[in-house]
């Protein structure tokens, strides 16, 4: 059940002109296919309907759509300069030692070389060590297995970011 505050943010989103709504959704997820599917299903009666549509859209992303979505995420340990959402999402790395930061950089590069895209994890609430351990574990996955893990992680990030949209009309909630 959604709160009245959530209803207000969702109502504002539902009422946005299509171009403005598309821009808001692009802040949540860089995949155009994902955004277009969510736009087409407006208006949403409640947050659960929005989340369900997001989950279905994420599940339906092609490999190219996933690549596009991942391009909107900076590497762990290197948030986008001037982007408060990126900094909040990666705050588990904020107090990391120089050694851990260097290790994450090396792991990020190795991961990207292996899979051709950024290491994507829903970093909300994770420490730098937990993120490091996750990339260490996942770098040995097959490309197919890793693509499905990325899809799950992207879905988590999208839900968290949509939660910010539903709560207060901004997509700057914590997430990836």
Protein backbone atom coordinates (compact mmCIF):
# COMPACT_ATOMS: atom_id res chain seq x y z
CA UNK A 1 0.00 0.00 0.00
CA UNK A 2 1.33 3.45 -0.84
CA UNK A 3 1.37 6.37 1.55
CA UNK A 4 -0.22 9.71 0.74
CA UNK A 5 3.29 11.13 0.32
CA UNK A 6 4.06 8.37 -2.15
CA UNK A 7 0.78 9.06 -3.92
CA UNK A 8 1.80 12.72 -4.28
CA UNK A 9 5.11 11.91 -5.94
CA UNK A 10 3.48 9.31 -8.15
CA UNK A 11 0.65 11.69 -9.04
CA UNK A 12 3.21 14.32 -10.05
CA UNK A 13 5.00 11.74 -12.21
CA UNK A 14 1.74 10.61 -13.80
CA UNK A 15 0.88 14.24 -14.63
CA UNK A 16 4.22 15.11 -16.25
CA UNK A 17 4.32 15.91 -19.94
CA UNK A 18 5.77 12.94 -21.83
CA UNK A 19 9.16 14.53 -22.54
CA UNK A 20 9.60 15.55 -18.90
CA UNK A 21 8.53 12.09 -17.71
CA UNK A 22 11.00 10.51 -20.14
CA UNK A 23 13.80 12.70 -18.74
CA UNK A 24 12.90 11.70 -15.18
CA UNK A 25 12.92 8.02 -16.12
CA UNK A 26 16.26 8.44 -17.90
CA UNK A 27 17.70 9.60 -14.55
CA UNK A 28 16.50 6.31 -13.05
CA UNK A 29 17.71 4.04 -15.86
CA UNK A 30 19.60 4.88 -19.06
CA UNK A 31 17.79 2.23 -21.12
CA UNK A 32 15.42 3.85 -23.60
CA UNK A 33 13.43 0.60 -23.96
CA UNK A 34 12.87 0.47 -20.18
CA UNK A 35 11.74 4.11 -20.08
CA UNK A 36 9.42 3.76 -23.07
CA UNK A 37 7.71 0.76 -21.50
CA UNK A 38 7.16 2.63 -18.24
CA UNK A 39 5.89 5.68 -20.11
CA UNK A 40 3.42 3.59 -22.10
CA UNK A 41 1.87 2.18 -18.92
CA UNK A 42 1.12 5.56 -17.32
CA UNK A 43 -0.85 6.53 -15.33
CA UNK A 44 -0.01 4.27 -12.41
CA UNK A 45 -2.64 3.64 -9.74
CA UNK A 46 -0.02 2.97 -7.10
CA UNK A 47 3.67 2.46 -6.46
CA UNK A 48 3.32 -1.32 -6.63
CA UNK A 49 2.05 -0.99 -10.21
CA UNK A 50 5.05 1.18 -11.12
CA UNK A 51 7.48 -1.28 -9.51
CA UNK A 52 5.84 -4.24 -11.25
CA UNK A 53 6.09 -2.51 -14.63
CA UNK A 54 9.74 -1.67 -13.93
CA UNK A 55 10.47 -5.29 -13.01
CA UNK A 56 8.77 -6.54 -16.19
CA UNK A 57 10.58 -3.97 -18.33
CA UNK A 58 13.94 -4.89 -16.76
CA UNK A 59 13.27 -8.60 -17.32
CA UNK A 60 12.51 -7.88 -20.98
CA UNK A 61 15.66 -5.90 -21.76
CA UNK A 62 17.75 -7.23 -24.60
CA UNK A 63 21.53 -7.50 -24.32
CA UNK A 64 21.82 -4.16 -26.15
CA UNK A 65 19.29 -2.58 -23.77
CA UNK A 66 21.25 -3.85 -20.76
CA UNK A 67 24.43 -2.43 -22.24
CA UNK A 68 22.71 0.93 -22.68
CA UNK A 69 21.44 0.82 -19.09
CA UNK A 70 24.89 -0.02 -17.71
CA UNK A 71 26.44 2.88 -19.63
CA UNK A 72 24.55 5.18 -17.26
CA UNK A 73 26.43 3.83 -14.24
CA UNK A 74 29.95 4.88 -13.26
CA UNK A 75 32.46 2.31 -12.01
CA UNK A 76 32.35 1.50 -8.29
CA UNK A 77 34.74 3.81 -6.50
CA UNK A 78 34.49 6.51 -9.16
CA UNK A 79 31.12 8.27 -8.83
CA UNK A 80 30.19 10.78 -11.51
CA UNK A 81 31.66 14.17 -10.57
CA UNK A 82 28.96 16.57 -9.41
CA UNK A 83 26.31 13.83 -9.25
CA UNK A 84 24.94 13.53 -5.71
CA UNK A 85 22.98 10.37 -6.56
CA UNK A 86 26.11 8.61 -7.75
CA UNK A 87 27.99 9.69 -4.62
CA UNK A 88 25.17 8.54 -2.29
CA UNK A 89 24.88 5.22 -4.05
CA UNK A 90 28.57 4.52 -3.66
CA UNK A 91 29.06 5.92 -0.19
CA UNK A 92 30.36 2.54 0.98
CA UNK A 93 33.57 3.41 -0.86
CA UNK A 94 33.78 6.94 0.58
CA UNK A 95 35.90 5.94 3.58
CA UNK A 96 37.81 3.18 1.82
CA UNK A 97 41.56 3.00 2.24
CA UNK A 98 43.84 3.92 -0.63
CA UNK A 99 44.72 0.23 -0.91
CA UNK A 100 41.06 -0.79 -1.28
CA UNK A 101 40.45 1.98 -3.82
CA UNK A 102 43.44 0.80 -5.88
CA UNK A 103 42.25 -2.79 -5.68
CA UNK A 104 38.74 -1.78 -6.79
CA UNK A 105 40.18 0.14 -9.73
CA UNK A 106 42.19 -2.92 -10.81
CA UNK A 107 39.19 -5.22 -10.33
CA UNK A 108 36.88 -2.84 -12.20
CA UNK A 109 39.30 -2.75 -15.13
CA UNK A 110 39.69 -6.54 -15.16
CA UNK A 111 35.93 -7.00 -14.97
CA UNK A 112 35.32 -4.51 -17.77
CA UNK A 113 37.95 -6.18 -19.93
CA UNK A 114 36.35 -9.60 -19.33
CA UNK A 115 32.70 -8.61 -19.82
CA UNK A 116 32.87 -5.40 -21.86
CA UNK A 117 30.87 -3.31 -19.41
CA UNK A 118 31.03 -1.71 -15.99
CA UNK A 119 30.67 -3.88 -12.88
CA UNK A 120 27.10 -3.23 -11.77
CA UNK A 121 25.93 -3.87 -8.23
CA UNK A 122 23.22 -2.36 -6.09
CA UNK A 123 25.69 -0.69 -3.74
CA UNK A 124 23.17 0.73 -1.30
CA UNK A 125 24.18 -0.34 2.20
CA UNK A 126 27.30 -2.22 1.08
CA UNK A 127 30.78 -1.53 2.37
CA UNK A 128 33.74 -1.15 0.10
CA UNK A 129 34.94 -4.57 1.18
CA UNK A 130 31.58 -6.16 0.30
CA UNK A 131 31.67 -4.58 -3.15
CA UNK A 132 35.25 -5.77 -3.66
CA UNK A 133 34.31 -9.28 -2.59
CA UNK A 134 31.36 -9.26 -5.00
CA UNK A 135 33.47 -8.27 -8.00
CA UNK A 136 36.07 -10.88 -7.04
CA UNK A 137 33.36 -13.54 -6.93
CA UNK A 138 31.54 -12.46 -10.08
CA UNK A 139 34.56 -12.01 -12.33
CA UNK A 140 34.72 -15.79 -12.74
CA UNK A 141 31.15 -16.06 -14.03
CA UNK A 142 30.24 -16.93 -17.58
CA UNK A 143 29.03 -14.00 -19.68
CA UNK A 144 25.50 -15.40 -19.64
CA UNK A 145 25.43 -15.83 -15.86
CA UNK A 146 26.88 -12.37 -15.32
CA UNK A 147 24.31 -10.78 -17.64
CA UNK A 148 21.51 -12.26 -15.53
CA UNK A 149 23.13 -11.04 -12.29
CA UNK A 150 23.47 -7.58 -13.84
CA UNK A 151 19.76 -7.68 -14.77
CA UNK A 152 18.85 -8.49 -11.13
CA UNK A 153 21.14 -5.77 -9.77
CA UNK A 154 19.77 -3.23 -12.27
CA UNK A 155 16.24 -4.12 -11.18
CA UNK A 156 17.16 -3.45 -7.54
CA UNK A 157 18.73 -0.10 -8.43
CA UNK A 158 15.73 0.91 -10.54
CA UNK A 159 13.32 0.06 -7.72
CA UNK A 160 15.30 2.11 -5.21
CA UNK A 161 15.48 5.07 -7.56
CA UNK A 162 11.78 4.78 -8.42
CA UNK A 163 11.12 4.80 -4.67
CA UNK A 164 12.58 8.30 -4.55
CA UNK A 165 10.36 9.32 -7.44
CA UNK A 166 7.28 7.93 -5.72
CA UNK A 167 8.16 9.45 -2.34
CA UNK A 168 9.04 12.96 -3.35
CA UNK A 169 9.05 13.24 -7.11
CA UNK A 170 12.84 13.00 -7.50
CA UNK A 171 14.81 10.11 -8.92
CA UNK A 172 17.81 10.97 -6.80
CA UNK A 173 17.23 8.17 -4.32
CA UNK A 174 19.99 5.77 -3.37
CA UNK A 175 20.60 2.86 -5.65
CA UNK A 176 23.51 1.70 -7.77
